[in-house]
Amino acid sequence: MGILKAINVSYPENALLTEAGIFCALCLIEVIRIYLGRRGNLASKKVPVFFSVILTIPSAVGVCYFLIYQTYILRLEYIWCAVMLMFQALELAFAILFIFTVCKNQQYE
């Protein structure tokens, strides 16, 4: 979408570079967040999952930037951003449930 908009739409000075930088940062945060969540879930460790939940906040802020404050927004981007925010909300809810189940005090009698 960025390449399409860079070719067809005239951007103000440095706006295209700013949005490309935010997109690269968002991709990096998402990769780290998904890696930590997967690693923590497979090993049943709460610390990587906790950091994955913390990284959901800057990721959601980046998606909200592309949804609201981006210079030119296409309809397809509205749909993609809304779906991504929905998935992040679901991941956040399941991660919190996972942390509660891992932190639960086990009693064996």
PDB file of N, CA and C in Angstrom:
ATOM      1  N   MET A   1       0.836  -1.187   0.000  1.00  0.00           N
ATOM      2  CA  MET A   1       0.000   0.000   0.000  1.00  0.00           C
ATOM      3  C   MET A   1       0.881   1.251   0.000  1.00  0.00           C
ATOM      4  N   GLY A   2       1.963   1.185   0.756  1.00  0.00           N
ATOM      5  CA  GLY A   2       2.857   2.338   0.821  1.00  0.00           C
ATOM      6  C   GLY A   2       3.492   2.657  -0.511  1.00  0.00           C
ATOM      7  N   ILE A   3       3.900   1.628  -1.240  1.00  0.00           N
ATOM      8  CA  ILE A   3       4.504   1.838  -2.555  1.00  0.00           C
ATOM      9  C   ILE A   3       3.462   2.400  -3.524  1.00  0.00           C
ATOM     10  N   LEU A   4       2.253   1.890  -3.467  1.00  0.00           N
ATOM     11  CA  LEU A   4       1.176   2.399  -4.317  1.00  0.00           C
ATOM     12  C   LEU A   4       0.914   3.871  -4.036  1.00  0.00           C
ATOM     13  N   LYS A   5       0.847   4.227  -2.766  1.00  0.00           N
ATOM     14  CA  LYS A   5       0.588   5.624  -2.422  1.00  0.00           C
ATOM     15  C   LYS A   5       1.785   6.515  -2.743  1.00  0.00           C
ATOM     16  N   ALA A   6       2.999   5.989  -2.614  1.00  0.00           N
ATOM     17  CA  ALA A   6       4.185   6.797  -2.939  1.00  0.00           C
ATOM     18  C   ALA A   6       4.244   7.131  -4.421  1.00  0.00           C
ATOM     19  N   ILE A   7       3.770   6.209  -5.248  1.00  0.00           N
ATOM     20  CA  ILE A   7       3.801   6.439  -6.696  1.00  0.00           C
ATOM     21  C   ILE A   7       2.667   7.357  -7.143  1.00  0.00           C
ATOM     22  N   ASN A   8       1.463   7.138  -6.615  1.00  0.00           N
ATOM     23  CA  ASN A   8       0.280   7.828  -7.132  1.00  0.00           C
ATOM     24  C   ASN A   8      -0.108   9.106  -6.404  1.00  0.00           C
ATOM     25  N   VAL A   9       0.386   9.332  -5.192  1.00  0.00           N
ATOM     26  CA  VAL A   9      -0.045  10.477  -4.393  1.00  0.00           C
ATOM     27  C   VAL A   9       1.175  11.319  -4.043  1.00  0.00           C
ATOM     28  N   SER A  10       1.026  12.630  -4.090  1.00  0.00           N
ATOM     29  CA  SER A  10       2.134  13.510  -3.709  1.00  0.00           C
ATOM     30  C   SER A  10       2.058  13.770  -2.196  1.00  0.00           C
ATOM     31  N   TYR A  11       3.108  13.409  -1.513  1.00  0.00           N
ATOM     32  CA  TYR A  11       3.178  13.562  -0.065  1.00  0.00           C
ATOM     33  C   TYR A  11       3.861  14.874   0.297  1.00  0.00           C
ATOM     34  N   PRO A  12       3.519  15.458   1.456  1.00  0.00           N
ATOM     35  CA  PRO A  12       4.282  16.603   1.953  1.00  0.00           C
ATOM     36  C   PRO A  12       5.712  16.174   2.283  1.00  0.00           C
ATOM     37  N   GLU A  13       6.562  17.131   2.501  1.00  0.00           N
ATOM     38  CA  GLU A  13       7.983  16.863   2.748  1.00  0.00           C
ATOM     39  C   GLU A  13       8.170  15.974   3.978  1.00  0.00           C
ATOM     40  N   ASN A  14       8.923  14.912   3.856  1.00  0.00           N
ATOM     41  CA  ASN A  14       9.303  13.948   4.895  1.00  0.00           C
ATOM     42  C   ASN A  14       8.131  13.139   5.458  1.00  0.00           C
ATOM     43  N   ALA A  15       6.926  13.306   4.982  1.00  0.00           N
ATOM     44  CA  ALA A  15       5.796  12.530   5.504  1.00  0.00           C
ATOM     45  C   ALA A  15       5.908  11.063   5.104  1.00  0.00           C
ATOM     46  N   LEU A  16       6.363  10.807   3.878  1.00  0.00           N
ATOM     47  CA  LEU A  16       6.502   9.428   3.416  1.00  0.00           C
ATOM     48  C   LEU A  16       7.588   8.703   4.201  1.00  0.00           C
ATOM     49  N   LEU A  17       8.696   9.375   4.467  1.00  0.00           N
ATOM     50  CA  LEU A  17       9.773   8.759   5.261  1.00  0.00           C
ATOM     51  C   LEU A  17       9.332   8.505   6.701  1.00  0.00           C
ATOM     52  N   THR A  18       8.570   9.410   7.264  1.00  0.00           N
ATOM     53  CA  THR A  18       8.065   9.231   8.627  1.00  0.00           C
ATOM     54  C   THR A  18       7.143   8.023   8.704  1.00  0.00           C
ATOM     55  N   GLU A  19       6.239   7.910   7.755  1.00  0.00           N
ATOM     56  CA  GLU A  19       5.315   6.780   7.767  1.00  0.00           C
ATOM     57  C   GLU A  19       6.030   5.466   7.486  1.00  0.00           C
ATOM     58  N   ALA A  20       7.046   5.482   6.637  1.00  0.00           N
ATOM     59  CA  ALA A  20       7.824   4.264   6.379  1.00  0.00           C
ATOM     60  C   ALA A  20       8.601   3.856   7.635  1.00  0.00           C
ATOM     61  N   GLY A  21       9.140   4.833   8.353  1.00  0.00           N
ATOM     62  CA  GLY A  21       9.853   4.529   9.601  1.00  0.00           C
ATOM     63  C   GLY A  21       8.930   3.966  10.667  1.00  0.00           C
ATOM     64  N   ILE A  22       7.741   4.534  10.779  1.00  0.00           N
ATOM     65  CA  ILE A  22       6.768   4.026  11.748  1.00  0.00           C
ATOM     66  C   ILE A  22       6.336   2.620  11.365  1.00  0.00           C
ATOM     67  N   PHE A  23       6.177   2.365  10.072  1.00  0.00           N
ATOM     68  CA  PHE A  23       5.793   1.031   9.622  1.00  0.00           C
ATOM     69  C   PHE A  23       6.893   0.011   9.926  1.00  0.00           C
ATOM     70  N   CYS A  24       8.160   0.369   9.697  1.00  0.00           N
ATOM     71  CA  CYS A  24       9.268  -0.547  10.005  1.00  0.00           C
ATOM     72  C   CYS A  24       9.356  -0.811  11.509  1.00  0.00           C
ATOM     73  N   ALA A  25       9.178   0.216  12.316  1.00  0.00           N
ATOM     74  CA  ALA A  25       9.183   0.035  13.774  1.00  0.00           C
ATOM     75  C   ALA A  25       8.025  -0.853  14.213  1.00  0.00           C
ATOM     76  N   LEU A  26       6.861  -0.670  13.609  1.00  0.00           N
ATOM     77  CA  LEU A  26       5.703  -1.503  13.934  1.00  0.00           C
ATOM     78  C   LEU A  26       5.959  -2.960  13.567  1.00  0.00           C
ATOM     79  N   CYS A  27       6.574  -3.194  12.427  1.00  0.00           N
ATOM     80  CA  CYS A  27       6.900  -4.569  12.024  1.00  0.00           C
ATOM     81  C   CYS A  27       7.882  -5.206  12.997  1.00  0.00           C
ATOM     82  N   LEU A  28       8.886  -4.460  13.423  1.00  0.00           N
ATOM     83  CA  LEU A  28       9.874  -4.977  14.377  1.00  0.00           C
ATOM     84  C   LEU A  28       9.226  -5.301  15.721  1.00  0.00           C
ATOM     85  N   ILE A  29       8.395  -4.413  16.216  1.00  0.00           N
ATOM     86  CA  ILE A  29       7.698  -4.648  17.487  1.00  0.00           C
ATOM     87  C   ILE A  29       6.795  -5.870  17.388  1.00  0.00           C
ATOM     88  N   GLU A  30       6.094  -6.023  16.265  1.00  0.00           N
ATOM     89  CA  GLU A  30       5.207  -7.169  16.081  1.00  0.00           C
ATOM     90  C   GLU A  30       5.984  -8.480  16.058  1.00  0.00           C
ATOM     91  N   VAL A  31       7.126  -8.508  15.372  1.00  0.00           N
ATOM     92  CA  VAL A  31       7.937  -9.728  15.322  1.00  0.00           C
ATOM     93  C   VAL A  31       8.409 -10.105  16.719  1.00  0.00           C
ATOM     94  N   ILE A  32       8.903  -9.145  17.475  1.00  0.00           N
ATOM     95  CA  ILE A  32       9.371  -9.418  18.836  1.00  0.00           C
ATOM     96  C   ILE A  32       8.208  -9.856  19.719  1.00  0.00           C
ATOM     97  N   ARG A  33       7.073  -9.195  19.595  1.00  0.00           N
ATOM     98  CA  ARG A  33       5.905  -9.514  20.416  1.00  0.00           C
ATOM     99  C   ARG A  33       5.401 -10.927  20.145  1.00  0.00           C
ATOM    100  N   ILE A  34       5.299 -11.292  18.882  1.00  0.00           N
ATOM    101  CA  ILE A  34       4.818 -12.627  18.529  1.00  0.00           C
ATOM    102  C   ILE A  34       5.822 -13.688  18.949  1.00  0.00           C
ATOM    103  N   TYR A  35       7.112 -13.424  18.775  1.00  0.00           N
ATOM    104  CA  TYR A  35       8.138 -14.380  19.190  1.00  0.00           C
ATOM    105  C   TYR A  35       8.085 -14.621  20.701  1.00  0.00           C
ATOM    106  N   LEU A  36       8.005 -13.549  21.480  1.00  0.00           N
ATOM    107  CA  LEU A  36       7.958 -13.700  22.934  1.00  0.00           C
ATOM    108  C   LEU A  36       6.683 -14.424  23.381  1.00  0.00           C
ATOM    109  N   GLY A  37       5.561 -14.088  22.776  1.00  0.00           N
ATOM    110  CA  GLY A  37       4.309 -14.746  23.130  1.00  0.00           C
ATOM    111  C   GLY A  37       4.336 -16.224  22.804  1.00  0.00           C
ATOM    112  N   ARG A  38       4.874 -16.581  21.663  1.00  0.00           N
ATOM    113  CA  ARG A  38       4.954 -17.990  21.271  1.00  0.00           C
ATOM    114  C   ARG A  38       5.919 -18.745  22.170  1.00  0.00           C
ATOM    115  N   ARG A  39       7.066 -18.153  22.417  1.00  0.00           N
ATOM    116  CA  ARG A  39       8.069 -18.806  23.262  1.00  0.00           C
ATOM    117  C   ARG A  39       7.541 -19.023  24.678  1.00  0.00           C
ATOM    118  N   GLY A  40       6.884 -18.025  25.231  1.00  0.00           N
ATOM    119  CA  GLY A  40       6.345 -18.147  26.576  1.00  0.00           C
ATOM    120  C   GLY A  40       5.195 -19.121  26.662  1.00  0.00           C
ATOM    121  N   ASN A  41       4.364 -19.167  25.626  1.00  0.00           N
ATOM    122  CA  ASN A  41       3.219 -20.065  25.634  1.00  0.00           C
ATOM    123  C   ASN A  41       3.652 -21.516  25.506  1.00  0.00           C
ATOM    124  N   LEU A  42       4.611 -21.801  24.634  1.00  0.00           N
ATOM    125  CA  LEU A  42       5.053 -23.176  24.436  1.00  0.00           C
ATOM    126  C   LEU A  42       5.791 -23.714  25.659  1.00  0.00           C
ATOM    127  N   ALA A  43       6.505 -22.862  26.365  1.00  0.00           N
ATOM    128  CA  ALA A  43       7.262 -23.290  27.533  1.00  0.00           C
ATOM    129  C   ALA A  43       6.489 -23.075  28.831  1.00  0.00           C
ATOM    130  N   SER A  44       5.282 -22.541  28.749  1.00  0.00           N
ATOM    131  CA  SER A  44       4.455 -22.206  29.917  1.00  0.00           C
ATOM    132  C   SER A  44       5.200 -21.300  30.895  1.00  0.00           C
ATOM    133  N   LYS A  45       5.884 -20.320  30.342  1.00  0.00           N
ATOM    134  CA  LYS A  45       6.596 -19.329  31.162  1.00  0.00           C
ATOM    135  C   LYS A  45       5.820 -18.021  31.100  1.00  0.00           C
ATOM    136  N   LYS A  46       5.735 -17.367  32.245  1.00  0.00           N
ATOM    137  CA  LYS A  46       4.929 -16.148  32.299  1.00  0.00           C
ATOM    138  C   LYS A  46       5.692 -14.882  31.925  1.00  0.00           C
ATOM    139  N   VAL A  47       7.011 -14.846  32.085  1.00  0.00           N
ATOM    140  CA  VAL A  47       7.776 -13.621  31.828  1.00  0.00           C
ATOM    141  C   VAL A  47       7.761 -13.239  30.342  1.00  0.00           C
ATOM    142  N   PRO A  48       8.058 -14.168  29.398  1.00  0.00           N
ATOM    143  CA  PRO A  48       7.969 -13.755  27.984  1.00  0.00           C
ATOM    144  C   PRO A  48       6.561 -13.350  27.566  1.00  0.00           C
ATOM    145  N   VAL A  49       5.554 -14.019  28.101  1.00  0.00           N
ATOM    146  CA  VAL A  49       4.177 -13.661  27.762  1.00  0.00           C
ATOM    147  C   VAL A  49       3.846 -12.285  28.325  1.00  0.00           C
ATOM    148  N   PHE A  50       4.338 -11.989  29.526  1.00  0.00           N
ATOM    149  CA  PHE A  50       4.113 -10.668  30.123  1.00  0.00           C
ATOM    150  C   PHE A  50       4.732  -9.575  29.258  1.00  0.00           C
ATOM    151  N   PHE A  51       5.964  -9.782  28.774  1.00  0.00           N
ATOM    152  CA  PHE A  51       6.597  -8.789  27.903  1.00  0.00           C
ATOM    153  C   PHE A  51       5.865  -8.689  26.562  1.00  0.00           C
ATOM    154  N   SER A  52       5.323  -9.796  26.092  1.00  0.00           N
ATOM    155  CA  SER A  52       4.524  -9.770  24.873  1.00  0.00           C
ATOM    156  C   SER A  52       3.264  -8.924  25.068  1.00  0.00           C
ATOM    157  N   VAL A  53       2.645  -9.044  26.246  1.00  0.00           N
ATOM    158  CA  VAL A  53       1.465  -8.227  26.553  1.00  0.00           C
ATOM    159  C   VAL A  53       1.850  -6.754  26.634  1.00  0.00           C
ATOM    160  N   ILE A  54       2.993  -6.461  27.229  1.00  0.00           N
ATOM    161  CA  ILE A  54       3.459  -5.067  27.321  1.00  0.00           C
ATOM    162  C   ILE A  54       3.720  -4.497  25.923  1.00  0.00           C
ATOM    163  N   LEU A  55       4.285  -5.307  25.020  1.00  0.00           N
ATOM    164  CA  LEU A  55       4.572  -4.826  23.664  1.00  0.00           C
ATOM    165  C   LEU A  55       3.312  -4.659  22.818  1.00  0.00           C
ATOM    166  N   THR A  56       2.183  -5.153  23.296  1.00  0.00           N
ATOM    167  CA  THR A  56       0.938  -4.951  22.575  1.00  0.00           C
ATOM    168  C   THR A  56       0.545  -3.477  22.578  1.00  0.00           C
ATOM    169  N   ILE A  57       0.908  -2.755  23.632  1.00  0.00           N
ATOM    170  CA  ILE A  57       0.538  -1.336  23.739  1.00  0.00           C
ATOM    171  C   ILE A  57       1.179  -0.496  22.634  1.00  0.00           C
ATOM    172  N   PRO A  58       2.532  -0.532  22.450  1.00  0.00           N
ATOM    173  CA  PRO A  58       3.081   0.272  21.344  1.00  0.00           C
ATOM    174  C   PRO A  58       2.645  -0.230  19.967  1.00  0.00           C
ATOM    175  N   SER A  59       2.382  -1.513  19.862  1.00  0.00           N
ATOM    176  CA  SER A  59       1.895  -2.047  18.599  1.00  0.00           C
ATOM    177  C   SER A  59       0.508  -1.496  18.277  1.00  0.00           C
ATOM    178  N   ALA A  60      -0.370  -1.473  19.260  1.00  0.00           N
ATOM    179  CA  ALA A  60      -1.715  -0.923  19.045  1.00  0.00           C
ATOM    180  C   ALA A  60      -1.663   0.574  18.756  1.00  0.00           C
ATOM    181  N   VAL A  61      -0.739   1.277  19.393  1.00  0.00           N
ATOM    182  CA  VAL A  61      -0.584   2.709  19.125  1.00  0.00           C
ATOM    183  C   VAL A  61      -0.128   2.926  17.673  1.00  0.00           C
ATOM    184  N   GLY A  62       0.783   2.094  17.193  1.00  0.00           N
ATOM    185  CA  GLY A  62       1.228   2.198  15.804  1.00  0.00           C
ATOM    186  C   GLY A  62       0.104   1.927  14.819  1.00  0.00           C
ATOM    187  N   VAL A  63      -0.709   0.928  15.113  1.00  0.00           N
ATOM    188  CA  VAL A  63      -1.849   0.627  14.240  1.00  0.00           C
ATOM    189  C   VAL A  63      -2.856   1.773  14.276  1.00  0.00           C
ATOM    190  N   CYS A  64      -3.083   2.346  15.456  1.00  0.00           N
ATOM    191  CA  CYS A  64      -4.001   3.497  15.561  1.00  0.00           C
ATOM    192  C   CYS A  64      -3.465   4.701  14.794  1.00  0.00           C
ATOM    193  N   TYR A  65      -2.145   4.864  14.765  1.00  0.00           N
ATOM    194  CA  TYR A  65      -1.568   5.943  13.958  1.00  0.00           C
ATOM    195  C   TYR A  65      -1.945   5.747  12.499  1.00  0.00           C
ATOM    196  N   PHE A  66      -1.760   4.524  12.003  1.00  0.00           N
ATOM    197  CA  PHE A  66      -2.092   4.272  10.602  1.00  0.00           C
ATOM    198  C   PHE A  66      -3.584   4.348  10.347  1.00  0.00           C
ATOM    199  N   LEU A  67      -4.385   4.117  11.361  1.00  0.00           N
ATOM    200  CA  LEU A  67      -5.838   4.180  11.203  1.00  0.00           C
ATOM    201  C   LEU A  67      -6.358   5.609  11.244  1.00  0.00           C
ATOM    202  N   ILE A  68      -5.723   6.483  12.040  1.00  0.00           N
ATOM    203  CA  ILE A  68      -6.283   7.816  12.278  1.00  0.00           C
ATOM    204  C   ILE A  68      -5.413   8.939  11.709  1.00  0.00           C
ATOM    205  N   TYR A  69      -4.116   8.942  12.024  1.00  0.00           N
ATOM    206  CA  TYR A  69      -3.269  10.107  11.748  1.00  0.00           C
ATOM    207  C   TYR A  69      -2.447  10.028  10.471  1.00  0.00           C
ATOM    208  N   GLN A  70      -2.560   8.965   9.722  1.00  0.00           N
ATOM    209  CA  GLN A  70      -1.780   8.833   8.502  1.00  0.00           C
ATOM    210  C   GLN A  70      -2.172   9.924   7.503  1.00  0.00           C
ATOM    211  N   THR A  71      -1.237  10.350   6.662  1.00  0.00           N
ATOM    212  CA  THR A  71      -1.493  11.439   5.729  1.00  0.00           C
ATOM    213  C   THR A  71      -2.607  11.096   4.744  1.00  0.00           C
ATOM    214  N   TYR A  72      -2.479   9.979   4.050  1.00  0.00           N
ATOM    215  CA  TYR A  72      -3.514   9.517   3.122  1.00  0.00           C
ATOM    216  C   TYR A  72      -3.904   8.103   3.540  1.00  0.00           C
ATOM    217  N   ILE A  73      -5.183   7.881   3.746  1.00  0.00           N
ATOM    218  CA  ILE A  73      -5.658   6.578   4.201  1.00  0.00           C
ATOM    219  C   ILE A  73      -6.614   6.015   3.158  1.00  0.00           C
ATOM    220  N   LEU A  74      -6.329   4.789   2.731  1.00  0.00           N
ATOM    221  CA  LEU A  74      -7.201   4.107   1.776  1.00  0.00           C
ATOM    222  C   LEU A  74      -8.217   3.254   2.533  1.00  0.00           C
ATOM    223  N   ARG A  75      -9.319   2.928   1.870  1.00  0.00           N
ATOM    224  CA  ARG A  75     -10.355   2.123   2.514  1.00  0.00           C
ATOM    225  C   ARG A  75      -9.839   0.759   2.950  1.00  0.00           C
ATOM    226  N   LEU A  76      -9.002   0.169   2.128  1.00  0.00           N
ATOM    227  CA  LEU A  76      -8.443  -1.137   2.457  1.00  0.00           C
ATOM    228  C   LEU A  76      -7.581  -1.067   3.714  1.00  0.00           C
ATOM    229  N   GLU A  77      -6.907   0.053   3.910  1.00  0.00           N
ATOM    230  CA  GLU A  77      -6.108   0.231   5.128  1.00  0.00           C
ATOM    231  C   GLU A  77      -6.999   0.339   6.364  1.00  0.00           C
ATOM    232  N   TYR A  78      -8.149   0.971   6.237  1.00  0.00           N
ATOM    233  CA  TYR A  78      -9.105   0.996   7.347  1.00  0.00           C
ATOM    234  C   TYR A  78      -9.476  -0.430   7.754  1.00  0.00           C
ATOM    235  N   ILE A  79      -9.763  -1.247   6.764  1.00  0.00           N
ATOM    236  CA  ILE A  79     -10.166  -2.628   7.044  1.00  0.00           C
ATOM    237  C   ILE A  79      -9.021  -3.399   7.688  1.00  0.00           C
ATOM    238  N   TRP A  80      -7.807  -3.295   7.124  1.00  0.00           N
ATOM    239  CA  TRP A  80      -6.655  -4.028   7.664  1.00  0.00           C
ATOM    240  C   TRP A  80      -6.340  -3.591   9.091  1.00  0.00           C
ATOM    241  N   CYS A  81      -6.375  -2.295   9.334  1.00  0.00           N
ATOM    242  CA  CYS A  81      -6.076  -1.797  10.680  1.00  0.00           C
ATOM    243  C   CYS A  81      -7.134  -2.226  11.689  1.00  0.00           C
ATOM    244  N   ALA A  82      -8.390  -2.210  11.283  1.00  0.00           N
ATOM    245  CA  ALA A  82      -9.456  -2.646  12.186  1.00  0.00           C
ATOM    246  C   ALA A  82      -9.331  -4.126  12.512  1.00  0.00           C
ATOM    247  N   VAL A  83      -9.009  -4.931  11.516  1.00  0.00           N
ATOM    248  CA  VAL A  83      -8.820  -6.368  11.753  1.00  0.00           C
ATOM    249  C   VAL A  83      -7.606  -6.603  12.652  1.00  0.00           C
ATOM    250  N   MET A  84      -6.538  -5.871  12.422  1.00  0.00           N
ATOM    251  CA  MET A  84      -5.339  -6.031  13.252  1.00  0.00           C
ATOM    252  C   MET A  84      -5.611  -5.633  14.700  1.00  0.00           C
ATOM    253  N   LEU A  85      -6.344  -4.552  14.918  1.00  0.00           N
ATOM    254  CA  LEU A  85      -6.697  -4.157  16.283  1.00  0.00           C
ATOM    255  C   LEU A  85      -7.598  -5.198  16.944  1.00  0.00           C
ATOM    256  N   MET A  86      -8.490  -5.798  16.175  1.00  0.00           N
ATOM    257  CA  MET A  86      -9.346  -6.843  16.720  1.00  0.00           C
ATOM    258  C   MET A  86      -8.512  -8.057  17.143  1.00  0.00           C
ATOM    259  N   PHE A  87      -7.577  -8.476  16.300  1.00  0.00           N
ATOM    260  CA  PHE A  87      -6.713  -9.602  16.649  1.00  0.00           C
ATOM    261  C   PHE A  87      -5.826  -9.285  17.854  1.00  0.00           C
ATOM    262  N   GLN A  88      -5.331  -8.066  17.937  1.00  0.00           N
ATOM    263  CA  GLN A  88      -4.516  -7.696  19.089  1.00  0.00           C
ATOM    264  C   GLN A  88      -5.338  -7.715  20.373  1.00  0.00           C
ATOM    265  N   ALA A  89      -6.588  -7.285  20.299  1.00  0.00           N
ATOM    266  CA  ALA A  89      -7.451  -7.330  21.486  1.00  0.00           C
ATOM    267  C   ALA A  89      -7.708  -8.773  21.909  1.00  0.00           C
ATOM    268  N   LEU A  90      -7.947  -9.656  20.942  1.00  0.00           N
ATOM    269  CA  LEU A  90      -8.141 -11.066  21.264  1.00  0.00           C
ATOM    270  C   LEU A  90      -6.867 -11.684  21.842  1.00  0.00           C
ATOM    271  N   GLU A  91      -5.721 -11.385  21.248  1.00  0.00           N
ATOM    272  CA  GLU A  91      -4.447 -11.891  21.769  1.00  0.00           C
ATOM    273  C   GLU A  91      -4.194 -11.387  23.174  1.00  0.00           C
ATOM    274  N   LEU A  92      -4.513 -10.142  23.421  1.00  0.00           N
ATOM    275  CA  LEU A  92      -4.332  -9.568  24.756  1.00  0.00           C
ATOM    276  C   LEU A  92      -5.220 -10.280  25.774  1.00  0.00           C
ATOM    277  N   ALA A  93      -6.478 -10.533  25.415  1.00  0.00           N
ATOM    278  CA  ALA A  93      -7.388 -11.223  26.337  1.00  0.00           C
ATOM    279  C   ALA A  93      -6.902 -12.639  26.624  1.00  0.00           C
ATOM    280  N   PHE A  94      -6.487 -13.372  25.592  1.00  0.00           N
ATOM    281  CA  PHE A  94      -6.001 -14.736  25.805  1.00  0.00           C
ATOM    282  C   PHE A  94      -4.682 -14.760  26.566  1.00  0.00           C
ATOM    283  N   ALA A  95      -3.818 -13.777  26.342  1.00  0.00           N
ATOM    284  CA  ALA A  95      -2.552 -13.720  27.076  1.00  0.00           C
ATOM    285  C   ALA A  95      -2.789 -13.445  28.554  1.00  0.00           C
ATOM    286  N   ILE A  96      -3.731 -12.578  28.857  1.00  0.00           N
ATOM    287  CA  ILE A  96      -4.046 -12.301  30.264  1.00  0.00           C
ATOM    288  C   ILE A  96      -4.627 -13.544  30.929  1.00  0.00           C
ATOM    289  N   LEU A  97      -5.503 -14.257  30.231  1.00  0.00           N
ATOM    290  CA  LEU A  97      -6.030 -15.515  30.772  1.00  0.00           C
ATOM    291  C   LEU A  97      -4.918 -16.537  30.983  1.00  0.00           C
ATOM    292  N   PHE A  98      -3.965 -16.606  30.053  1.00  0.00           N
ATOM    293  CA  PHE A  98      -2.836 -17.522  30.187  1.00  0.00           C
ATOM    294  C   PHE A  98      -1.984 -17.166  31.396  1.00  0.00           C
ATOM    295  N   ILE A  99      -1.716 -15.875  31.592  1.00  0.00           N
ATOM    296  CA  ILE A  99      -0.908 -15.453  32.745  1.00  0.00           C
ATOM    297  C   ILE A  99      -1.617 -15.813  34.046  1.00  0.00           C
ATOM    298  N   PHE A 100      -2.933 -15.634  34.100  1.00  0.00           N
ATOM    299  CA  PHE A 100      -3.677 -15.990  35.312  1.00  0.00           C
ATOM    300  C   PHE A 100      -3.621 -17.489  35.581  1.00  0.00           C
ATOM    301  N   THR A 101      -3.685 -18.307  34.538  1.00  0.00           N
ATOM    302  CA  THR A 101      -3.641 -19.754  34.759  1.00  0.00           C
ATOM    303  C   THR A 101      -2.247 -20.222  35.144  1.00  0.00           C
ATOM    304  N   VAL A 102      -1.208 -19.599  34.612  1.00  0.00           N
ATOM    305  CA  VAL A 102       0.159 -19.992  34.969  1.00  0.00           C
ATOM    306  C   VAL A 102       0.499 -19.531  36.390  1.00  0.00           C
ATOM    307  N   CYS A 103       0.012 -18.369  36.775  1.00  0.00           N
ATOM    308  CA  CYS A 103       0.324 -17.836  38.098  1.00  0.00           C
ATOM    309  C   CYS A 103      -0.562 -18.425  39.188  1.00  0.00           C
ATOM    310  N   LYS A 104      -1.529 -19.224  38.822  1.00  0.00           N
ATOM    311  CA  LYS A 104      -2.432 -19.828  39.799  1.00  0.00           C
ATOM    312  C   LYS A 104      -1.643 -20.743  40.735  1.00  0.00           C
ATOM    313  N   ASN A 105      -1.937 -20.654  41.996  1.00  0.00           N
ATOM    314  CA  ASN A 105      -1.240 -21.453  42.999  1.00  0.00           C
ATOM    315  C   ASN A 105      -1.753 -22.889  42.942  1.00  0.00           C
ATOM    316  N   GLN A 106      -0.867 -23.826  42.668  1.00  0.00           N
ATOM    317  CA  GLN A 106      -1.227 -25.241  42.570  1.00  0.00           C
ATOM    318  C   GLN A 106      -1.240 -25.870  43.948  1.00  0.00           C
ATOM    319  N   GLN A 107      -2.309 -26.550  44.287  1.00  0.00           N
ATOM    320  CA  GLN A 107      -2.399 -27.267  45.550  1.00  0.00           C
ATOM    321  C   GLN A 107      -2.675 -28.726  45.248  1.00  0.00           C
ATOM    322  N   TYR A 108      -1.789 -29.580  45.724  1.00  0.00           N
ATOM    323  CA  TYR A 108      -1.948 -31.011  45.541  1.00  0.00           C
ATOM    324  C   TYR A 108      -2.252 -31.651  46.876  1.00  0.00           C
ATOM    325  N   GLU A 109      -3.305 -32.430  46.937  1.00  0.00           N
ATOM    326  CA  GLU A 109      -3.664 -33.097  48.196  1.00  0.00           C
ATOM    327  C   GLU A 109      -3.763 -34.559  48.016  1.00  0.00           C
TER     328      GLU A 109
END
